[in-house]
Amino acid sequence: MQVVFLDSESSGSSRYTHHGADIHEYPDTAFMDLAERCRHTDAIVTRVMPLRREILDYVTRPRHIIVPLRDAERLVEGEIAGQLEIQVHTVDSDPADWPSFKAEVLSIVRSLLPEQ
């Protein structure tokens, strides 16, 4: 499973494996980089960057989007995600509390992985 964090609190881009998932974190994502970063991923995590129809139509593979609960409506057009069969997962943790937010996201990612 490929997972991309579009706006993490890491000081630079990083890539690592978590329980078999390939995770790529970016500290921020410019709109012009959004489609390329999302194109080959199974799950997209965003705290800031909204994912609109033009991006979701272009990106062929994501089946999951993970966002903060309080910003879900602003970040993802739920009706569009539903039409494209993309499941939206929400995180209760405050996105400003990066360690808690990230831990909850990684818990969701782990739950999405096939049983080993």
PDB file of N, CA and C in Angstrom:
ATOM      1  N   MET A   1       0.845  -1.177   0.000  1.00  0.00           N
ATOM      2  CA  MET A   1       0.000   0.000   0.000  1.00  0.00           C
ATOM      3  C   MET A   1       0.890   1.240   0.000  1.00  0.00           C
ATOM      4  N   GLN A   2       0.580   2.177  -0.873  1.00  0.00           N
ATOM      5  CA  GLN A   2       1.293   3.448  -0.976  1.00  0.00           C
ATOM      6  C   GLN A   2       0.467   4.532  -0.274  1.00  0.00           C
ATOM      7  N   VAL A   3       1.102   5.272   0.638  1.00  0.00           N
ATOM      8  CA  VAL A   3       0.429   6.332   1.396  1.00  0.00           C
ATOM      9  C   VAL A   3       1.235   7.611   1.246  1.00  0.00           C
ATOM     10  N   VAL A   4       0.564   8.731   0.996  1.00  0.00           N
ATOM     11  CA  VAL A   4       1.250  10.015   0.910  1.00  0.00           C
ATOM     12  C   VAL A   4       0.608  10.998   1.886  1.00  0.00           C
ATOM     13  N   PHE A   5       1.462  11.637   2.697  1.00  0.00           N
ATOM     14  CA  PHE A   5       1.070  12.760   3.545  1.00  0.00           C
ATOM     15  C   PHE A   5       1.391  14.017   2.739  1.00  0.00           C
ATOM     16  N   LEU A   6       0.402  14.817   2.400  1.00  0.00           N
ATOM     17  CA  LEU A   6       0.628  16.011   1.598  1.00  0.00           C
ATOM     18  C   LEU A   6       1.175  17.174   2.400  1.00  0.00           C
ATOM     19  N   ASP A   7       0.931  17.185   3.704  1.00  0.00           N
ATOM     20  CA  ASP A   7       1.330  18.322   4.528  1.00  0.00           C
ATOM     21  C   ASP A   7       1.646  17.869   5.957  1.00  0.00           C
ATOM     22  N   SER A   8       2.772  17.174   6.080  1.00  0.00           N
ATOM     23  CA  SER A   8       3.186  16.679   7.393  1.00  0.00           C
ATOM     24  C   SER A   8       3.982  17.762   8.116  1.00  0.00           C
ATOM     25  N   GLU A   9       4.385  17.481   9.313  1.00  0.00           N
ATOM     26  CA  GLU A   9       5.223  18.429  10.044  1.00  0.00           C
ATOM     27  C   GLU A   9       6.683  18.013  10.019  1.00  0.00           C
ATOM     28  N   SER A  10       7.065  17.170   9.092  1.00  0.00           N
ATOM     29  CA  SER A  10       8.474  16.802   8.975  1.00  0.00           C
ATOM     30  C   SER A  10       9.232  17.987   8.374  1.00  0.00           C
ATOM     31  N   SER A  11      10.522  18.072   8.667  1.00  0.00           N
ATOM     32  CA  SER A  11      11.325  19.197   8.191  1.00  0.00           C
ATOM     33  C   SER A  11      11.648  19.073   6.699  1.00  0.00           C
ATOM     34  N   GLY A  12      11.528  17.898   6.166  1.00  0.00           N
ATOM     35  CA  GLY A  12      11.767  17.668   4.747  1.00  0.00           C
ATOM     36  C   GLY A  12      11.009  16.430   4.315  1.00  0.00           C
ATOM     37  N   SER A  13      11.079  16.111   3.050  1.00  0.00           N
ATOM     38  CA  SER A  13      10.419  14.903   2.558  1.00  0.00           C
ATOM     39  C   SER A  13      11.078  13.678   3.176  1.00  0.00           C
ATOM     40  N   SER A  14      10.261  12.686   3.481  1.00  0.00           N
ATOM     41  CA  SER A  14      10.802  11.441   4.020  1.00  0.00           C
ATOM     42  C   SER A  14       9.990  10.275   3.481  1.00  0.00           C
ATOM     43  N   ARG A  15      10.642   9.123   3.458  1.00  0.00           N
ATOM     44  CA  ARG A  15       9.988   7.910   2.992  1.00  0.00           C
ATOM     45  C   ARG A  15      10.386   6.774   3.921  1.00  0.00           C
ATOM     46  N   TYR A  16       9.394   5.968   4.327  1.00  0.00           N
ATOM     47  CA  TYR A  16       9.652   4.867   5.246  1.00  0.00           C
ATOM     48  C   TYR A  16       8.551   3.827   5.101  1.00  0.00           C
ATOM     49  N   THR A  17       8.748   2.697   5.739  1.00  0.00           N
ATOM     50  CA  THR A  17       7.770   1.621   5.728  1.00  0.00           C
ATOM     51  C   THR A  17       7.152   1.503   7.111  1.00  0.00           C
ATOM     52  N   HIS A  18       5.844   1.311   7.143  1.00  0.00           N
ATOM     53  CA  HIS A  18       5.114   1.134   8.403  1.00  0.00           C
ATOM     54  C   HIS A  18       4.201  -0.084   8.239  1.00  0.00           C
ATOM     55  N   HIS A  19       4.542  -1.182   8.898  1.00  0.00           N
ATOM     56  CA  HIS A  19       3.764  -2.429   8.833  1.00  0.00           C
ATOM     57  C   HIS A  19       3.484  -2.853   7.391  1.00  0.00           C
ATOM     58  N   GLY A  20       4.443  -2.638   6.515  1.00  0.00           N
ATOM     59  CA  GLY A  20       4.299  -3.041   5.119  1.00  0.00           C
ATOM     60  C   GLY A  20       3.770  -1.958   4.198  1.00  0.00           C
ATOM     61  N   ALA A  21       3.314  -0.834   4.747  1.00  0.00           N
ATOM     62  CA  ALA A  21       2.852   0.273   3.910  1.00  0.00           C
ATOM     63  C   ALA A  21       4.041   1.171   3.579  1.00  0.00           C
ATOM     64  N   ASP A  22       4.124   1.601   2.334  1.00  0.00           N
ATOM     65  CA  ASP A  22       5.165   2.524   1.897  1.00  0.00           C
ATOM     66  C   ASP A  22       4.629   3.937   2.114  1.00  0.00           C
ATOM     67  N   ILE A  23       5.242   4.664   3.056  1.00  0.00           N
ATOM     68  CA  ILE A  23       4.769   5.996   3.454  1.00  0.00           C
ATOM     69  C   ILE A  23       5.717   7.048   2.889  1.00  0.00           C
ATOM     70  N   HIS A  24       5.159   8.086   2.290  1.00  0.00           N
ATOM     71  CA  HIS A  24       5.949   9.214   1.815  1.00  0.00           C
ATOM     72  C   HIS A  24       5.342  10.476   2.417  1.00  0.00           C
ATOM     73  N   GLU A  25       6.164  11.222   3.159  1.00  0.00           N
ATOM     74  CA  GLU A  25       5.704  12.455   3.801  1.00  0.00           C
ATOM     75  C   GLU A  25       6.336  13.668   3.132  1.00  0.00           C
ATOM     76  N   TYR A  26       5.503  14.659   2.852  1.00  0.00           N
ATOM     77  CA  TYR A  26       5.956  15.952   2.343  1.00  0.00           C
ATOM     78  C   TYR A  26       5.574  17.018   3.363  1.00  0.00           C
ATOM     79  N   PRO A  27       6.462  17.980   3.645  1.00  0.00           N
ATOM     80  CA  PRO A  27       6.108  19.015   4.615  1.00  0.00           C
ATOM     81  C   PRO A  27       5.014  19.946   4.093  1.00  0.00           C
ATOM     82  N   ASP A  28       4.925  20.093   2.797  1.00  0.00           N
ATOM     83  CA  ASP A  28       3.833  20.843   2.172  1.00  0.00           C
ATOM     84  C   ASP A  28       3.762  20.440   0.705  1.00  0.00           C
ATOM     85  N   THR A  29       2.655  20.773   0.087  1.00  0.00           N
ATOM     86  CA  THR A  29       2.447  20.425  -1.314  1.00  0.00           C
ATOM     87  C   THR A  29       1.849  21.620  -2.032  1.00  0.00           C
ATOM     88  N   ALA A  30       2.530  22.077  -3.062  1.00  0.00           N
ATOM     89  CA  ALA A  30       1.996  23.150  -3.910  1.00  0.00           C
ATOM     90  C   ALA A  30       0.942  22.533  -4.830  1.00  0.00           C
ATOM     91  N   PHE A  31      -0.028  23.332  -5.228  1.00  0.00           N
ATOM     92  CA  PHE A  31      -1.096  22.827  -6.089  1.00  0.00           C
ATOM     93  C   PHE A  31      -0.532  22.178  -7.349  1.00  0.00           C
ATOM     94  N   MET A  32       0.529  22.767  -7.911  1.00  0.00           N
ATOM     95  CA  MET A  32       1.091  22.219  -9.157  1.00  0.00           C
ATOM     96  C   MET A  32       1.738  20.851  -8.953  1.00  0.00           C
ATOM     97  N   ASP A  33       2.061  20.469  -7.712  1.00  0.00           N
ATOM     98  CA  ASP A  33       2.652  19.156  -7.417  1.00  0.00           C
ATOM     99  C   ASP A  33       1.618  18.128  -6.967  1.00  0.00           C
ATOM    100  N   LEU A  34       0.416  18.574  -6.704  1.00  0.00           N
ATOM    101  CA  LEU A  34      -0.607  17.726  -6.094  1.00  0.00           C
ATOM    102  C   LEU A  34      -0.924  16.482  -6.914  1.00  0.00           C
ATOM    103  N   ALA A  35      -1.216  16.636  -8.167  1.00  0.00           N
ATOM    104  CA  ALA A  35      -1.602  15.490  -8.996  1.00  0.00           C
ATOM    105  C   ALA A  35      -0.482  14.461  -9.083  1.00  0.00           C
ATOM    106  N   GLU A  36       0.739  14.917  -9.269  1.00  0.00           N
ATOM    107  CA  GLU A  36       1.868  13.992  -9.380  1.00  0.00           C
ATOM    108  C   GLU A  36       2.082  13.213  -8.082  1.00  0.00           C
ATOM    109  N   ARG A  37       1.972  13.876  -6.946  1.00  0.00           N
ATOM    110  CA  ARG A  37       2.187  13.208  -5.665  1.00  0.00           C
ATOM    111  C   ARG A  37       1.071  12.218  -5.338  1.00  0.00           C
ATOM    112  N   CYS A  38      -0.106  12.468  -5.828  1.00  0.00           N
ATOM    113  CA  CYS A  38      -1.258  11.615  -5.511  1.00  0.00           C
ATOM    114  C   CYS A  38      -1.490  10.499  -6.524  1.00  0.00           C
ATOM    115  N   ARG A  39      -0.911  10.607  -7.699  1.00  0.00           N
ATOM    116  CA  ARG A  39      -1.262   9.714  -8.807  1.00  0.00           C
ATOM    117  C   ARG A  39      -1.080   8.233  -8.494  1.00  0.00           C
ATOM    118  N   HIS A  40      -0.030   7.833  -7.851  1.00  0.00           N
ATOM    119  CA  HIS A  40       0.250   6.411  -7.661  1.00  0.00           C
ATOM    120  C   HIS A  40       0.080   5.969  -6.214  1.00  0.00           C
ATOM    121  N   THR A  41      -0.839   6.568  -5.519  1.00  0.00           N
ATOM    122  CA  THR A  41      -0.995   6.249  -4.105  1.00  0.00           C
ATOM    123  C   THR A  41      -2.333   5.569  -3.832  1.00  0.00           C
ATOM    124  N   ASP A  42      -2.351   4.777  -2.779  1.00  0.00           N
ATOM    125  CA  ASP A  42      -3.590   4.110  -2.365  1.00  0.00           C
ATOM    126  C   ASP A  42      -4.354   4.939  -1.340  1.00  0.00           C
ATOM    127  N   ALA A  43      -3.610   5.731  -0.539  1.00  0.00           N
ATOM    128  CA  ALA A  43      -4.225   6.544   0.508  1.00  0.00           C
ATOM    129  C   ALA A  43      -3.546   7.910   0.542  1.00  0.00           C
ATOM    130  N   ILE A  44      -4.355   8.948   0.602  1.00  0.00           N
ATOM    131  CA  ILE A  44      -3.869  10.324   0.665  1.00  0.00           C
ATOM    132  C   ILE A  44      -4.245  10.888   2.031  1.00  0.00           C
ATOM    133  N   VAL A  45      -3.268  11.514   2.696  1.00  0.00           N
ATOM    134  CA  VAL A  45      -3.504  12.154   3.983  1.00  0.00           C
ATOM    135  C   VAL A  45      -3.292  13.654   3.788  1.00  0.00           C
ATOM    136  N   THR A  46      -4.289  14.447   4.176  1.00  0.00           N
ATOM    137  CA  THR A  46      -4.143  15.900   4.073  1.00  0.00           C
ATOM    138  C   THR A  46      -4.750  16.578   5.290  1.00  0.00           C
ATOM    139  N   ARG A  47      -4.056  17.622   5.752  1.00  0.00           N
ATOM    140  CA  ARG A  47      -4.569  18.456   6.845  1.00  0.00           C
ATOM    141  C   ARG A  47      -4.921  19.839   6.321  1.00  0.00           C
ATOM    142  N   VAL A  48      -4.339  20.227   5.182  1.00  0.00           N
ATOM    143  CA  VAL A  48      -4.468  21.583   4.673  1.00  0.00           C
ATOM    144  C   VAL A  48      -4.965  21.619   3.228  1.00  0.00           C
ATOM    145  N   MET A  49      -4.366  20.810   2.377  1.00  0.00           N
ATOM    146  CA  MET A  49      -4.630  20.857   0.929  1.00  0.00           C
ATOM    147  C   MET A  49      -5.973  20.214   0.581  1.00  0.00           C
ATOM    148  N   PRO A  50      -6.924  20.997   0.050  1.00  0.00           N
ATOM    149  CA  PRO A  50      -8.206  20.406  -0.357  1.00  0.00           C
ATOM    150  C   PRO A  50      -8.035  19.526  -1.596  1.00  0.00           C
ATOM    151  N   LEU A  51      -8.799  18.458  -1.646  1.00  0.00           N
ATOM    152  CA  LEU A  51      -8.774  17.527  -2.780  1.00  0.00           C
ATOM    153  C   LEU A  51     -10.075  17.698  -3.557  1.00  0.00           C
ATOM    154  N   ARG A  52     -10.003  18.412  -4.642  1.00  0.00           N
ATOM    155  CA  ARG A  52     -11.174  18.722  -5.451  1.00  0.00           C
ATOM    156  C   ARG A  52     -11.346  17.722  -6.586  1.00  0.00           C
ATOM    157  N   ARG A  53     -12.471  17.820  -7.245  1.00  0.00           N
ATOM    158  CA  ARG A  53     -12.825  16.873  -8.310  1.00  0.00           C
ATOM    159  C   ARG A  53     -11.749  16.775  -9.390  1.00  0.00           C
ATOM    160  N   GLU A  54     -11.186  17.911  -9.812  1.00  0.00           N
ATOM    161  CA  GLU A  54     -10.195  17.864 -10.894  1.00  0.00           C
ATOM    162  C   GLU A  54      -8.981  17.025 -10.512  1.00  0.00           C
ATOM    163  N   ILE A  55      -8.640  16.988  -9.249  1.00  0.00           N
ATOM    164  CA  ILE A  55      -7.533  16.146  -8.789  1.00  0.00           C
ATOM    165  C   ILE A  55      -8.007  14.701  -8.664  1.00  0.00           C
ATOM    166  N   LEU A  56      -9.153  14.491  -8.032  1.00  0.00           N
ATOM    167  CA  LEU A  56      -9.644  13.129  -7.808  1.00  0.00           C
ATOM    168  C   LEU A  56      -9.967  12.425  -9.126  1.00  0.00           C
ATOM    169  N   ASP A  57     -10.404  13.158 -10.136  1.00  0.00           N
ATOM    170  CA  ASP A  57     -10.638  12.563 -11.455  1.00  0.00           C
ATOM    171  C   ASP A  57      -9.328  12.134 -12.103  1.00  0.00           C
ATOM    172  N   TYR A  58      -8.290  12.935 -11.916  1.00  0.00           N
ATOM    173  CA  TYR A  58      -7.002  12.661 -12.536  1.00  0.00           C
ATOM    174  C   TYR A  58      -6.264  11.507 -11.863  1.00  0.00           C
ATOM    175  N   VAL A  59      -6.404  11.432 -10.558  1.00  0.00           N
ATOM    176  CA  VAL A  59      -5.699  10.414  -9.780  1.00  0.00           C
ATOM    177  C   VAL A  59      -6.495   9.121  -9.884  1.00  0.00           C
ATOM    178  N   THR A  60      -5.898   8.100 -10.431  1.00  0.00           N
ATOM    179  CA  THR A  60      -6.649   6.894 -10.752  1.00  0.00           C
ATOM    180  C   THR A  60      -6.658   5.839  -9.659  1.00  0.00           C
ATOM    181  N   ARG A  61      -5.755   5.897  -8.696  1.00  0.00           N
ATOM    182  CA  ARG A  61      -5.608   4.777  -7.790  1.00  0.00           C
ATOM    183  C   ARG A  61      -6.082   4.952  -6.357  1.00  0.00           C
ATOM    184  N   PRO A  62      -6.182   6.130  -5.796  1.00  0.00           N
ATOM    185  CA  PRO A  62      -6.462   6.177  -4.361  1.00  0.00           C
ATOM    186  C   PRO A  62      -7.831   5.605  -4.036  1.00  0.00           C
ATOM    187  N   ARG A  63      -7.875   4.808  -3.029  1.00  0.00           N
ATOM    188  CA  ARG A  63      -9.139   4.263  -2.545  1.00  0.00           C
ATOM    189  C   ARG A  63      -9.495   4.874  -1.199  1.00  0.00           C
ATOM    190  N   HIS A  64      -8.539   5.602  -0.606  1.00  0.00           N
ATOM    191  CA  HIS A  64      -8.750   6.149   0.737  1.00  0.00           C
ATOM    192  C   HIS A  64      -8.175   7.552   0.831  1.00  0.00           C
ATOM    193  N   ILE A  65      -8.910   8.412   1.522  1.00  0.00           N
ATOM    194  CA  ILE A  65      -8.436   9.741   1.875  1.00  0.00           C
ATOM    195  C   ILE A  65      -8.613   9.860   3.384  1.00  0.00           C
ATOM    196  N   ILE A  66      -7.577  10.364   4.055  1.00  0.00           N
ATOM    197  CA  ILE A  66      -7.610  10.508   5.515  1.00  0.00           C
ATOM    198  C   ILE A  66      -7.442  11.985   5.839  1.00  0.00           C
ATOM    199  N   VAL A  67      -8.406  12.536   6.596  1.00  0.00           N
ATOM    200  CA  VAL A  67      -8.434  13.968   6.915  1.00  0.00           C
ATOM    201  C   VAL A  67      -8.856  14.176   8.363  1.00  0.00           C
ATOM    202  N   PRO A  68      -8.553  15.363   8.923  1.00  0.00           N
ATOM    203  CA  PRO A  68      -9.064  15.682  10.257  1.00  0.00           C
ATOM    204  C   PRO A  68     -10.591  15.794  10.215  1.00  0.00           C
ATOM    205  N   LEU A  69     -11.248  15.264  11.215  1.00  0.00           N
ATOM    206  CA  LEU A  69     -12.709  15.304  11.278  1.00  0.00           C
ATOM    207  C   LEU A  69     -13.239  16.730  11.154  1.00  0.00           C
ATOM    208  N   ARG A  70     -12.617  17.649  11.873  1.00  0.00           N
ATOM    209  CA  ARG A  70     -13.138  19.029  11.898  1.00  0.00           C
ATOM    210  C   ARG A  70     -13.042  19.734  10.552  1.00  0.00           C
ATOM    211  N   ASP A  71     -12.187  19.254   9.646  1.00  0.00           N
ATOM    212  CA  ASP A  71     -11.998  19.900   8.347  1.00  0.00           C
ATOM    213  C   ASP A  71     -12.450  19.037   7.170  1.00  0.00           C
ATOM    214  N   ALA A  72     -13.113  17.933   7.446  1.00  0.00           N
ATOM    215  CA  ALA A  72     -13.447  16.966   6.394  1.00  0.00           C
ATOM    216  C   ALA A  72     -14.247  17.590   5.252  1.00  0.00           C
ATOM    217  N   GLU A  73     -15.259  18.362   5.561  1.00  0.00           N
ATOM    218  CA  GLU A  73     -16.096  18.940   4.501  1.00  0.00           C
ATOM    219  C   GLU A  73     -15.331  19.938   3.653  1.00  0.00           C
ATOM    220  N   ARG A  74     -14.397  20.646   4.251  1.00  0.00           N
ATOM    221  CA  ARG A  74     -13.603  21.635   3.518  1.00  0.00           C
ATOM    222  C   ARG A  74     -12.541  20.963   2.632  1.00  0.00           C
ATOM    223  N   LEU A  75     -12.010  19.823   3.079  1.00  0.00           N
ATOM    224  CA  LEU A  75     -10.895  19.189   2.384  1.00  0.00           C
ATOM    225  C   LEU A  75     -11.306  18.202   1.299  1.00  0.00           C
ATOM    226  N   VAL A  76     -12.490  17.595   1.435  1.00  0.00           N
ATOM    227  CA  VAL A  76     -12.913  16.566   0.476  1.00  0.00           C
ATOM    228  C   VAL A  76     -14.384  16.762   0.131  1.00  0.00           C
ATOM    229  N   GLU A  77     -14.665  16.752  -1.150  1.00  0.00           N
ATOM    230  CA  GLU A  77     -16.056  16.795  -1.590  1.00  0.00           C
ATOM    231  C   GLU A  77     -16.613  15.380  -1.458  1.00  0.00           C
ATOM    232  N   GLY A  78     -17.363  15.148  -0.381  1.00  0.00           N
ATOM    233  CA  GLY A  78     -17.847  13.813  -0.055  1.00  0.00           C
ATOM    234  C   GLY A  78     -18.646  13.161  -1.166  1.00  0.00           C
ATOM    235  N   GLU A  79     -19.490  13.921  -1.827  1.00  0.00           N
ATOM    236  CA  GLU A  79     -20.304  13.366  -2.918  1.00  0.00           C
ATOM    237  C   GLU A  79     -19.412  12.889  -4.068  1.00  0.00           C
ATOM    238  N   ILE A  80     -18.407  13.678  -4.391  1.00  0.00           N
ATOM    239  CA  ILE A  80     -17.483  13.306  -5.469  1.00  0.00           C
ATOM    240  C   ILE A  80     -16.681  12.072  -5.077  1.00  0.00           C
ATOM    241  N   ALA A  81     -16.171  12.057  -3.857  1.00  0.00           N
ATOM    242  CA  ALA A  81     -15.418  10.890  -3.378  1.00  0.00           C
ATOM    243  C   ALA A  81     -16.293   9.641  -3.452  1.00  0.00           C
ATOM    244  N   GLY A  82     -17.556   9.766  -3.073  1.00  0.00           N
ATOM    245  CA  GLY A  82     -18.479   8.627  -3.134  1.00  0.00           C
ATOM    246  C   GLY A  82     -18.689   8.143  -4.559  1.00  0.00           C
ATOM    247  N   GLN A  83     -18.855   9.073  -5.494  1.00  0.00           N
ATOM    248  CA  GLN A  83     -19.034   8.703  -6.900  1.00  0.00           C
ATOM    249  C   GLN A  83     -17.810   7.976  -7.442  1.00  0.00           C
ATOM    250  N   LEU A  84     -16.633   8.355  -6.948  1.00  0.00           N
ATOM    251  CA  LEU A  84     -15.384   7.745  -7.412  1.00  0.00           C
ATOM    252  C   LEU A  84     -14.987   6.536  -6.562  1.00  0.00           C
ATOM    253  N   GLU A  85     -15.858   6.153  -5.637  1.00  0.00           N
ATOM    254  CA  GLU A  85     -15.642   5.010  -4.745  1.00  0.00           C
ATOM    255  C   GLU A  85     -14.366   5.147  -3.922  1.00  0.00           C
ATOM    256  N   ILE A  86     -14.131   6.368  -3.430  1.00  0.00           N
ATOM    257  CA  ILE A  86     -13.009   6.638  -2.542  1.00  0.00           C
ATOM    258  C   ILE A  86     -13.574   6.761  -1.134  1.00  0.00           C
ATOM    259  N   GLN A  87     -13.038   5.984  -0.223  1.00  0.00           N
ATOM    260  CA  GLN A  87     -13.510   6.012   1.160  1.00  0.00           C
ATOM    261  C   GLN A  87     -12.782   7.113   1.918  1.00  0.00           C
ATOM    262  N   VAL A  88     -13.539   7.968   2.599  1.00  0.00           N
ATOM    263  CA  VAL A  88     -12.968   9.052   3.397  1.00  0.00           C
ATOM    264  C   VAL A  88     -12.953   8.616   4.855  1.00  0.00           C
ATOM    265  N   HIS A  89     -11.769   8.675   5.465  1.00  0.00           N
ATOM    266  CA  HIS A  89     -11.585   8.339   6.877  1.00  0.00           C
ATOM    267  C   HIS A  89     -11.277   9.637   7.616  1.00  0.00           C
ATOM    268  N   THR A  90     -11.859   9.795   8.793  1.00  0.00           N
ATOM    269  CA  THR A  90     -11.609  11.009   9.568  1.00  0.00           C
ATOM    270  C   THR A  90     -10.831  10.681  10.832  1.00  0.00           C
ATOM    271  N   VAL A  91      -9.999  11.638  11.228  1.00  0.00           N
ATOM    272  CA  VAL A  91      -9.159  11.523  12.415  1.00  0.00           C
ATOM    273  C   VAL A  91      -9.676  12.514  13.447  1.00  0.00           C
ATOM    274  N   ASP A  92      -9.969  12.020  14.650  1.00  0.00           N
ATOM    275  CA  ASP A  92     -10.487  12.883  15.715  1.00  0.00           C
ATOM    276  C   ASP A  92      -9.428  13.798  16.315  1.00  0.00           C
ATOM    277  N   SER A  93      -8.168  13.391  16.263  1.00  0.00           N
ATOM    278  CA  SER A  93      -7.096  14.183  16.871  1.00  0.00           C
ATOM    279  C   SER A  93      -6.959  15.539  16.200  1.00  0.00           C
ATOM    280  N   ASP A  94      -6.573  16.533  16.979  1.00  0.00           N
ATOM    281  CA  ASP A  94      -6.321  17.874  16.471  1.00  0.00           C
ATOM    282  C   ASP A  94      -5.120  17.811  15.522  1.00  0.00           C
ATOM    283  N   PRO A  95      -5.255  18.268  14.287  1.00  0.00           N
ATOM    284  CA  PRO A  95      -4.132  18.189  13.350  1.00  0.00           C
ATOM    285  C   PRO A  95      -2.929  19.027  13.785  1.00  0.00           C
ATOM    286  N   ALA A  96      -3.138  19.986  14.673  1.00  0.00           N
ATOM    287  CA  ALA A  96      -2.019  20.778  15.188  1.00  0.00           C
ATOM    288  C   ALA A  96      -1.175  19.965  16.172  1.00  0.00           C
ATOM    289  N   ASP A  97      -1.750  18.911  16.745  1.00  0.00           N
ATOM    290  CA  ASP A  97      -1.009  17.999  17.624  1.00  0.00           C
ATOM    291  C   ASP A  97      -0.457  16.890  16.733  1.00  0.00           C
ATOM    292  N   TRP A  98       0.633  17.198  16.027  1.00  0.00           N
ATOM    293  CA  TRP A  98       1.157  16.303  15.002  1.00  0.00           C
ATOM    294  C   TRP A  98       1.402  14.883  15.490  1.00  0.00           C
ATOM    295  N   PRO A  99       2.056  14.664  16.641  1.00  0.00           N
ATOM    296  CA  PRO A  99       2.298  13.267  17.051  1.00  0.00           C
ATOM    297  C   PRO A  99       1.002  12.457  17.215  1.00  0.00           C
ATOM    298  N   SER A 100      -0.020  13.044  17.817  1.00  0.00           N
ATOM    299  CA  SER A 100      -1.294  12.327  17.992  1.00  0.00           C
ATOM    300  C   SER A 100      -2.003  12.123  16.668  1.00  0.00           C
ATOM    301  N   PHE A 101      -2.023  13.159  15.847  1.00  0.00           N
ATOM    302  CA  PHE A 101      -2.662  13.062  14.537  1.00  0.00           C
ATOM    303  C   PHE A 101      -1.998  11.967  13.703  1.00  0.00           C
ATOM    304  N   LYS A 102      -0.673  12.002  13.629  1.00  0.00           N
ATOM    305  CA  LYS A 102       0.067  11.020  12.826  1.00  0.00           C
ATOM    306  C   LYS A 102      -0.151   9.607  13.351  1.00  0.00           C
ATOM    307  N   ALA A 103      -0.146   9.434  14.673  1.00  0.00           N
ATOM    308  CA  ALA A 103      -0.370   8.107  15.256  1.00  0.00           C
ATOM    309  C   ALA A 103      -1.741   7.567  14.869  1.00  0.00           C
ATOM    310  N   GLU A 104      -2.756   8.427  14.902  1.00  0.00           N
ATOM    311  CA  GLU A 104      -4.105   7.991  14.527  1.00  0.00           C
ATOM    312  C   GLU A 104      -4.186   7.661  13.033  1.00  0.00           C
ATOM    313  N   VAL A 105      -3.520   8.456  12.213  1.00  0.00           N
ATOM    314  CA  VAL A 105      -3.485   8.165  10.769  1.00  0.00           C
ATOM    315  C   VAL A 105      -2.823   6.812  10.527  1.00  0.00           C
ATOM    316  N   LEU A 106      -1.682   6.570  11.154  1.00  0.00           N
ATOM    317  CA  LEU A 106      -0.974   5.306  10.949  1.00  0.00           C
ATOM    318  C   LEU A 106      -1.782   4.121  11.461  1.00  0.00           C
ATOM    319  N   SER A 107      -2.595   4.335  12.481  1.00  0.00           N
ATOM    320  CA  SER A 107      -3.497   3.280  12.952  1.00  0.00           C
ATOM    321  C   SER A 107      -4.542   2.950  11.881  1.00  0.00           C
ATOM    322  N   ILE A 108      -5.073   3.979  11.238  1.00  0.00           N
ATOM    323  CA  ILE A 108      -6.030   3.760  10.146  1.00  0.00           C
ATOM    324  C   ILE A 108      -5.344   3.028   8.997  1.00  0.00           C
ATOM    325  N   VAL A 109      -4.144   3.472   8.641  1.00  0.00           N
ATOM    326  CA  VAL A 109      -3.395   2.817   7.558  1.00  0.00           C
ATOM    327  C   VAL A 109      -3.203   1.348   7.877  1.00  0.00           C
ATOM    328  N   ARG A 110      -2.800   1.052   9.092  1.00  0.00           N
ATOM    329  CA  ARG A 110      -2.585  -0.346   9.479  1.00  0.00           C
ATOM    330  C   ARG A 110      -3.866  -1.163   9.348  1.00  0.00           C
ATOM    331  N   SER A 111      -5.002  -0.556   9.704  1.00  0.00           N
ATOM    332  CA  SER A 111      -6.278  -1.279   9.607  1.00  0.00           C
ATOM    333  C   SER A 111      -6.670  -1.554   8.152  1.00  0.00           C
ATOM    334  N   LEU A 112      -6.142  -0.779   7.223  1.00  0.00           N
ATOM    335  CA  LEU A 112      -6.458  -0.953   5.799  1.00  0.00           C
ATOM    336  C   LEU A 112      -5.603  -2.006   5.115  1.00  0.00           C
ATOM    337  N   LEU A 113      -4.512  -2.385   5.768  1.00  0.00           N
ATOM    338  CA  LEU A 113      -3.598  -3.364   5.173  1.00  0.00           C
ATOM    339  C   LEU A 113      -4.214  -4.750   5.218  1.00  0.00           C
ATOM    340  N   PRO A 114      -3.940  -5.560   4.211  1.00  0.00           N
ATOM    341  CA  PRO A 114      -4.450  -6.941   4.228  1.00  0.00           C
ATOM    342  C   PRO A 114      -3.827  -7.719   5.385  1.00  0.00           C
ATOM    343  N   GLU A 115      -4.578  -8.668   5.893  1.00  0.00           N
ATOM    344  CA  GLU A 115      -4.070  -9.528   6.976  1.00  0.00           C
ATOM    345  C   GLU A 115      -2.839 -10.261   6.480  1.00  0.00           C
ATOM    346  N   GLN A 116      -1.824 -10.346   7.350  1.00  0.00           N
ATOM    347  CA  GLN A 116      -0.584 -11.016   6.943  1.00  0.00           C
ATOM    348  C   GLN A 116      -0.454 -12.359   7.618  1.00  0.00           C
TER     349      GLN A 116
END
